Amino acid sequence: MSSMDQKIKVIGQMAQDAGLIEDPQWLERLNEPVPLWVVLDLLLRWIDRTESNGGPYD
């Protein structure tokens, strides 16, 4: 397994652990192109999870 394949696998596992990828079949297809809406959906979910929930900003 090349270092790039290993890196892609680690990123996919991190996304699954974070709850961004819910379908385990995606882990077998990480090299396939996806529609832009899929990427945007993942980014929006990540933003929603990392934003503060009404806490102080300082």
PDB file of N, CA and C in Angstrom:
ATOM      1  N   MET A   1       0.857  -1.172   0.000  1.00  0.00           N
ATOM      2  CA  MET A   1       0.000   0.000   0.000  1.00  0.00           C
ATOM      3  C   MET A   1       0.904   1.237   0.000  1.00  0.00           C
ATOM      4  N   SER A   2       0.635   2.149  -0.925  1.00  0.00           N
ATOM      5  CA  SER A   2       1.457   3.351  -1.018  1.00  0.00           C
ATOM      6  C   SER A   2       1.113   4.328   0.111  1.00  0.00           C
ATOM      7  N   SER A   3       1.977   5.289   0.305  1.00  0.00           N
ATOM      8  CA  SER A   3       1.738   6.265   1.378  1.00  0.00           C
ATOM      9  C   SER A   3       0.495   7.099   1.076  1.00  0.00           C
ATOM     10  N   MET A   4       0.222   7.378  -0.203  1.00  0.00           N
ATOM     11  CA  MET A   4      -0.975   8.154  -0.563  1.00  0.00           C
ATOM     12  C   MET A   4      -2.236   7.351  -0.254  1.00  0.00           C
ATOM     13  N   ASP A   5      -2.230   6.055  -0.576  1.00  0.00           N
ATOM     14  CA  ASP A   5      -3.380   5.200  -0.265  1.00  0.00           C
ATOM     15  C   ASP A   5      -3.603   5.127   1.242  1.00  0.00           C
ATOM     16  N   GLN A   6      -2.529   5.045   1.984  1.00  0.00           N
ATOM     17  CA  GLN A   6      -2.633   4.985   3.438  1.00  0.00           C
ATOM     18  C   GLN A   6      -3.183   6.299   3.994  1.00  0.00           C
ATOM     19  N   LYS A   7      -2.736   7.413   3.439  1.00  0.00           N
ATOM     20  CA  LYS A   7      -3.216   8.728   3.878  1.00  0.00           C
ATOM     21  C   LYS A   7      -4.709   8.882   3.596  1.00  0.00           C
ATOM     22  N   ILE A   8      -5.132   8.458   2.412  1.00  0.00           N
ATOM     23  CA  ILE A   8      -6.553   8.527   2.048  1.00  0.00           C
ATOM     24  C   ILE A   8      -7.387   7.669   2.990  1.00  0.00           C
ATOM     25  N   LYS A   9      -6.884   6.493   3.319  1.00  0.00           N
ATOM     26  CA  LYS A   9      -7.613   5.596   4.227  1.00  0.00           C
ATOM     27  C   LYS A   9      -7.743   6.214   5.621  1.00  0.00           C
ATOM     28  N   VAL A  10      -6.677   6.850   6.103  1.00  0.00           N
ATOM     29  CA  VAL A  10      -6.704   7.489   7.421  1.00  0.00           C
ATOM     30  C   VAL A  10      -7.697   8.651   7.425  1.00  0.00           C
ATOM     31  N   ILE A  11      -7.692   9.455   6.367  1.00  0.00           N
ATOM     32  CA  ILE A  11      -8.635  10.579   6.279  1.00  0.00           C
ATOM     33  C   ILE A  11     -10.071  10.063   6.262  1.00  0.00           C
ATOM     34  N   GLY A  12     -10.325   9.002   5.508  1.00  0.00           N
ATOM     35  CA  GLY A  12     -11.665   8.419   5.478  1.00  0.00           C
ATOM     36  C   GLY A  12     -12.094   7.910   6.836  1.00  0.00           C
ATOM     37  N   GLN A  13     -11.184   7.263   7.549  1.00  0.00           N
ATOM     38  CA  GLN A  13     -11.505   6.750   8.883  1.00  0.00           C
ATOM     39  C   GLN A  13     -11.775   7.896   9.852  1.00  0.00           C
ATOM     40  N   MET A  14     -11.001   8.969   9.741  1.00  0.00           N
ATOM     41  CA  MET A  14     -11.221  10.137  10.604  1.00  0.00           C
ATOM     42  C   MET A  14     -12.587  10.762  10.323  1.00  0.00           C
ATOM     43  N   ALA A  15     -12.962  10.830   9.057  1.00  0.00           N
ATOM     44  CA  ALA A  15     -14.267  11.375   8.693  1.00  0.00           C
ATOM     45  C   ALA A  15     -15.393  10.495   9.226  1.00  0.00           C
ATOM     46  N   GLN A  16     -15.212   9.199   9.185  1.00  0.00           N
ATOM     47  CA  GLN A  16     -16.229   8.294   9.722  1.00  0.00           C
ATOM     48  C   GLN A  16     -16.308   8.425  11.240  1.00  0.00           C
ATOM     49  N   ASP A  17     -15.163   8.498  11.903  1.00  0.00           N
ATOM     50  CA  ASP A  17     -15.148   8.646  13.359  1.00  0.00           C
ATOM     51  C   ASP A  17     -15.804   9.945  13.801  1.00  0.00           C
ATOM     52  N   ALA A  18     -15.675  10.988  12.977  1.00  0.00           N
ATOM     53  CA  ALA A  18     -16.272  12.287  13.296  1.00  0.00           C
ATOM     54  C   ALA A  18     -17.761  12.327  12.961  1.00  0.00           C
ATOM     55  N   GLY A  19     -18.261  11.277  12.329  1.00  0.00           N
ATOM     56  CA  GLY A  19     -19.681  11.226  11.980  1.00  0.00           C
ATOM     57  C   GLY A  19     -20.002  11.906  10.666  1.00  0.00           C
ATOM     58  N   LEU A  20     -18.980  12.263   9.890  1.00  0.00           N
ATOM     59  CA  LEU A  20     -19.216  12.918   8.606  1.00  0.00           C
ATOM     60  C   LEU A  20     -19.551  11.914   7.515  1.00  0.00           C
ATOM     61  N   ILE A  21     -19.029  10.717   7.635  1.00  0.00           N
ATOM     62  CA  ILE A  21     -19.363   9.633   6.713  1.00  0.00           C
ATOM     63  C   ILE A  21     -20.138   8.602   7.509  1.00  0.00           C
ATOM     64  N   GLU A  22     -21.390   8.402   7.112  1.00  0.00           N
ATOM     65  CA  GLU A  22     -22.239   7.469   7.847  1.00  0.00           C
ATOM     66  C   GLU A  22     -22.327   6.108   7.168  1.00  0.00           C
ATOM     67  N   ASP A  23     -22.075   6.072   5.870  1.00  0.00           N
ATOM     68  CA  ASP A  23     -22.156   4.827   5.106  1.00  0.00           C
ATOM     69  C   ASP A  23     -20.759   4.207   5.008  1.00  0.00           C
ATOM     70  N   PRO A  24     -20.515   3.043   5.620  1.00  0.00           N
ATOM     71  CA  PRO A  24     -19.179   2.441   5.588  1.00  0.00           C
ATOM     72  C   PRO A  24     -18.706   2.072   4.183  1.00  0.00           C
ATOM     73  N   GLN A  25     -19.617   1.972   3.225  1.00  0.00           N
ATOM     74  CA  GLN A  25     -19.212   1.661   1.847  1.00  0.00           C
ATOM     75  C   GLN A  25     -18.371   2.787   1.237  1.00  0.00           C
ATOM     76  N   TRP A  26     -18.521   4.014   1.754  1.00  0.00           N
ATOM     77  CA  TRP A  26     -17.714   5.121   1.240  1.00  0.00           C
ATOM     78  C   TRP A  26     -16.234   4.887   1.484  1.00  0.00           C
ATOM     79  N   LEU A  27     -15.880   4.154   2.538  1.00  0.00           N
ATOM     80  CA  LEU A  27     -14.475   3.918   2.839  1.00  0.00           C
ATOM     81  C   LEU A  27     -13.790   3.081   1.762  1.00  0.00           C
ATOM     82  N   GLU A  28     -14.559   2.310   1.027  1.00  0.00           N
ATOM     83  CA  GLU A  28     -14.005   1.499  -0.056  1.00  0.00           C
ATOM     84  C   GLU A  28     -13.935   2.281  -1.361  1.00  0.00           C
ATOM     85  N   ARG A  29     -14.534   3.480  -1.402  1.00  0.00           N
ATOM     86  CA  ARG A  29     -14.613   4.239  -2.651  1.00  0.00           C
ATOM     87  C   ARG A  29     -14.040   5.648  -2.498  1.00  0.00           C
ATOM     88  N   LEU A  30     -13.043   5.817  -1.652  1.00  0.00           N
ATOM     89  CA  LEU A  30     -12.505   7.151  -1.380  1.00  0.00           C
ATOM     90  C   LEU A  30     -11.753   7.751  -2.564  1.00  0.00           C
ATOM     91  N   ASN A  31     -11.310   6.950  -3.498  1.00  0.00           N
ATOM     92  CA  ASN A  31     -10.602   7.467  -4.673  1.00  0.00           C
ATOM     93  C   ASN A  31     -11.540   7.876  -5.804  1.00  0.00           C
ATOM     94  N   GLU A  32     -12.819   7.568  -5.683  1.00  0.00           N
ATOM     95  CA  GLU A  32     -13.773   7.898  -6.739  1.00  0.00           C
ATOM     96  C   GLU A  32     -14.190   9.363  -6.629  1.00  0.00           C
ATOM     97  N   PRO A  33     -14.426  10.003  -7.762  1.00  0.00           N
ATOM     98  CA  PRO A  33     -14.925  11.387  -7.711  1.00  0.00           C
ATOM     99  C   PRO A  33     -16.351  11.414  -7.160  1.00  0.00           C
ATOM    100  N   VAL A  34     -16.669  12.478  -6.471  1.00  0.00           N
ATOM    101  CA  VAL A  34     -18.017  12.656  -5.926  1.00  0.00           C
ATOM    102  C   VAL A  34     -18.577  13.981  -6.419  1.00  0.00           C
ATOM    103  N   PRO A  35     -19.888  14.101  -6.470  1.00  0.00           N
ATOM    104  CA  PRO A  35     -20.490  15.378  -6.857  1.00  0.00           C
ATOM    105  C   PRO A  35     -20.153  16.476  -5.832  1.00  0.00           C
ATOM    106  N   LEU A  36     -20.152  17.684  -6.293  1.00  0.00           N
ATOM    107  CA  LEU A  36     -19.824  18.812  -5.432  1.00  0.00           C
ATOM    108  C   LEU A  36     -20.762  18.901  -4.237  1.00  0.00           C
ATOM    109  N   TRP A  37     -22.041  18.551  -4.410  1.00  0.00           N
ATOM    110  CA  TRP A  37     -22.980  18.665  -3.294  1.00  0.00           C
ATOM    111  C   TRP A  37     -22.586  17.749  -2.145  1.00  0.00           C
ATOM    112  N   VAL A  38     -21.942  16.625  -2.434  1.00  0.00           N
ATOM    113  CA  VAL A  38     -21.501  15.714  -1.377  1.00  0.00           C
ATOM    114  C   VAL A  38     -20.395  16.378  -0.553  1.00  0.00           C
ATOM    115  N   VAL A  39     -19.444  16.996  -1.240  1.00  0.00           N
ATOM    116  CA  VAL A  39     -18.350  17.683  -0.557  1.00  0.00           C
ATOM    117  C   VAL A  39     -18.891  18.839   0.284  1.00  0.00           C
ATOM    118  N   LEU A  40     -19.798  19.611  -0.289  1.00  0.00           N
ATOM    119  CA  LEU A  40     -20.374  20.733   0.448  1.00  0.00           C
ATOM    120  C   LEU A  40     -21.180  20.261   1.652  1.00  0.00           C
ATOM    121  N   ASP A  41     -21.923  19.179   1.501  1.00  0.00           N
ATOM    122  CA  ASP A  41     -22.678  18.625   2.620  1.00  0.00           C
ATOM    123  C   ASP A  41     -21.741  18.220   3.753  1.00  0.00           C
ATOM    124  N   LEU A  42     -20.635  17.573   3.423  1.00  0.00           N
ATOM    125  CA  LEU A  42     -19.662  17.176   4.448  1.00  0.00           C
ATOM    126  C   LEU A  42     -19.067  18.402   5.139  1.00  0.00           C
ATOM    127  N   LEU A  43     -18.732  19.418   4.370  1.00  0.00           N
ATOM    128  CA  LEU A  43     -18.168  20.634   4.962  1.00  0.00           C
ATOM    129  C   LEU A  43     -19.170  21.334   5.877  1.00  0.00           C
ATOM    130  N   LEU A  44     -20.413  21.405   5.449  1.00  0.00           N
ATOM    131  CA  LEU A  44     -21.433  22.051   6.286  1.00  0.00           C
ATOM    132  C   LEU A  44     -21.675  21.272   7.573  1.00  0.00           C
ATOM    133  N   ARG A  45     -21.660  19.942   7.484  1.00  0.00           N
ATOM    134  CA  ARG A  45     -21.809  19.137   8.702  1.00  0.00           C
ATOM    135  C   ARG A  45     -20.641  19.381   9.651  1.00  0.00           C
ATOM    136  N   TRP A  46     -19.431  19.467   9.083  1.00  0.00           N
ATOM    137  CA  TRP A  46     -18.245  19.707   9.902  1.00  0.00           C
ATOM    138  C   TRP A  46     -18.324  21.075  10.567  1.00  0.00           C
ATOM    139  N   ILE A  47     -18.757  22.077   9.835  1.00  0.00           N
ATOM    140  CA  ILE A  47     -18.893  23.421  10.404  1.00  0.00           C
ATOM    141  C   ILE A  47     -19.917  23.406  11.532  1.00  0.00           C
ATOM    142  N   ASP A  48     -21.048  22.743  11.326  1.00  0.00           N
ATOM    143  CA  ASP A  48     -22.081  22.660  12.363  1.00  0.00           C
ATOM    144  C   ASP A  48     -21.560  21.987  13.621  1.00  0.00           C
ATOM    145  N   ARG A  49     -20.711  21.002  13.475  1.00  0.00           N
ATOM    146  CA  ARG A  49     -20.182  20.278  14.633  1.00  0.00           C
ATOM    147  C   ARG A  49     -19.107  21.064  15.366  1.00  0.00           C
ATOM    148  N   THR A  50     -18.390  21.944  14.665  1.00  0.00           N
ATOM    149  CA  THR A  50     -17.278  22.651  15.289  1.00  0.00           C
ATOM    150  C   THR A  50     -17.667  24.024  15.811  1.00  0.00           C
ATOM    151  N   GLU A  51     -18.830  24.548  15.414  1.00  0.00           N
ATOM    152  CA  GLU A  51     -19.249  25.857  15.897  1.00  0.00           C
ATOM    153  C   GLU A  51     -19.656  25.768  17.358  1.00  0.00           C
ATOM    154  N   SER A  52     -19.430  26.855  18.045  1.00  0.00           N
ATOM    155  CA  SER A  52     -19.825  26.943  19.441  1.00  0.00           C
ATOM    156  C   SER A  52     -21.336  26.984  19.548  1.00  0.00           C
ATOM    157  N   ASN A  53     -21.857  26.349  20.566  1.00  0.00           N
ATOM    158  CA  ASN A  53     -23.321  26.315  20.766  1.00  0.00           C
ATOM    159  C   ASN A  53     -23.754  27.386  21.749  1.00  0.00           C
ATOM    160  N   GLY A  54     -23.647  28.640  21.335  1.00  0.00           N
ATOM    161  CA  GLY A  54     -24.137  29.732  22.169  1.00  0.00           C
ATOM    162  C   GLY A  54     -23.219  30.123  23.313  1.00  0.00           C
ATOM    163  N   GLY A  55     -22.015  29.596  23.322  1.00  0.00           N
ATOM    164  CA  GLY A  55     -21.070  29.925  24.378  1.00  0.00           C
ATOM    165  C   GLY A  55     -20.396  31.263  24.112  1.00  0.00           C
ATOM    166  N   PRO A  56     -19.608  31.730  25.057  1.00  0.00           N
ATOM    167  CA  PRO A  56     -18.923  32.995  24.861  1.00  0.00           C
ATOM    168  C   PRO A  56     -17.865  32.874  23.766  1.00  0.00           C
ATOM    169  N   TYR A  57     -17.618  33.980  23.075  1.00  0.00           N
ATOM    170  CA  TYR A  57     -16.651  33.982  21.974  1.00  0.00           C
ATOM    171  C   TYR A  57     -15.253  34.350  22.420  1.00  0.00           C
ATOM    172  N   ASP A  58     -15.070  34.697  23.670  1.00  0.00           N
ATOM    173  CA  ASP A  58     -13.730  35.097  24.113  1.00  0.00           C
ATOM    174  C   ASP A  58     -12.999  33.991  24.814  1.00  0.00           C
TER     175      ASP A  58
END
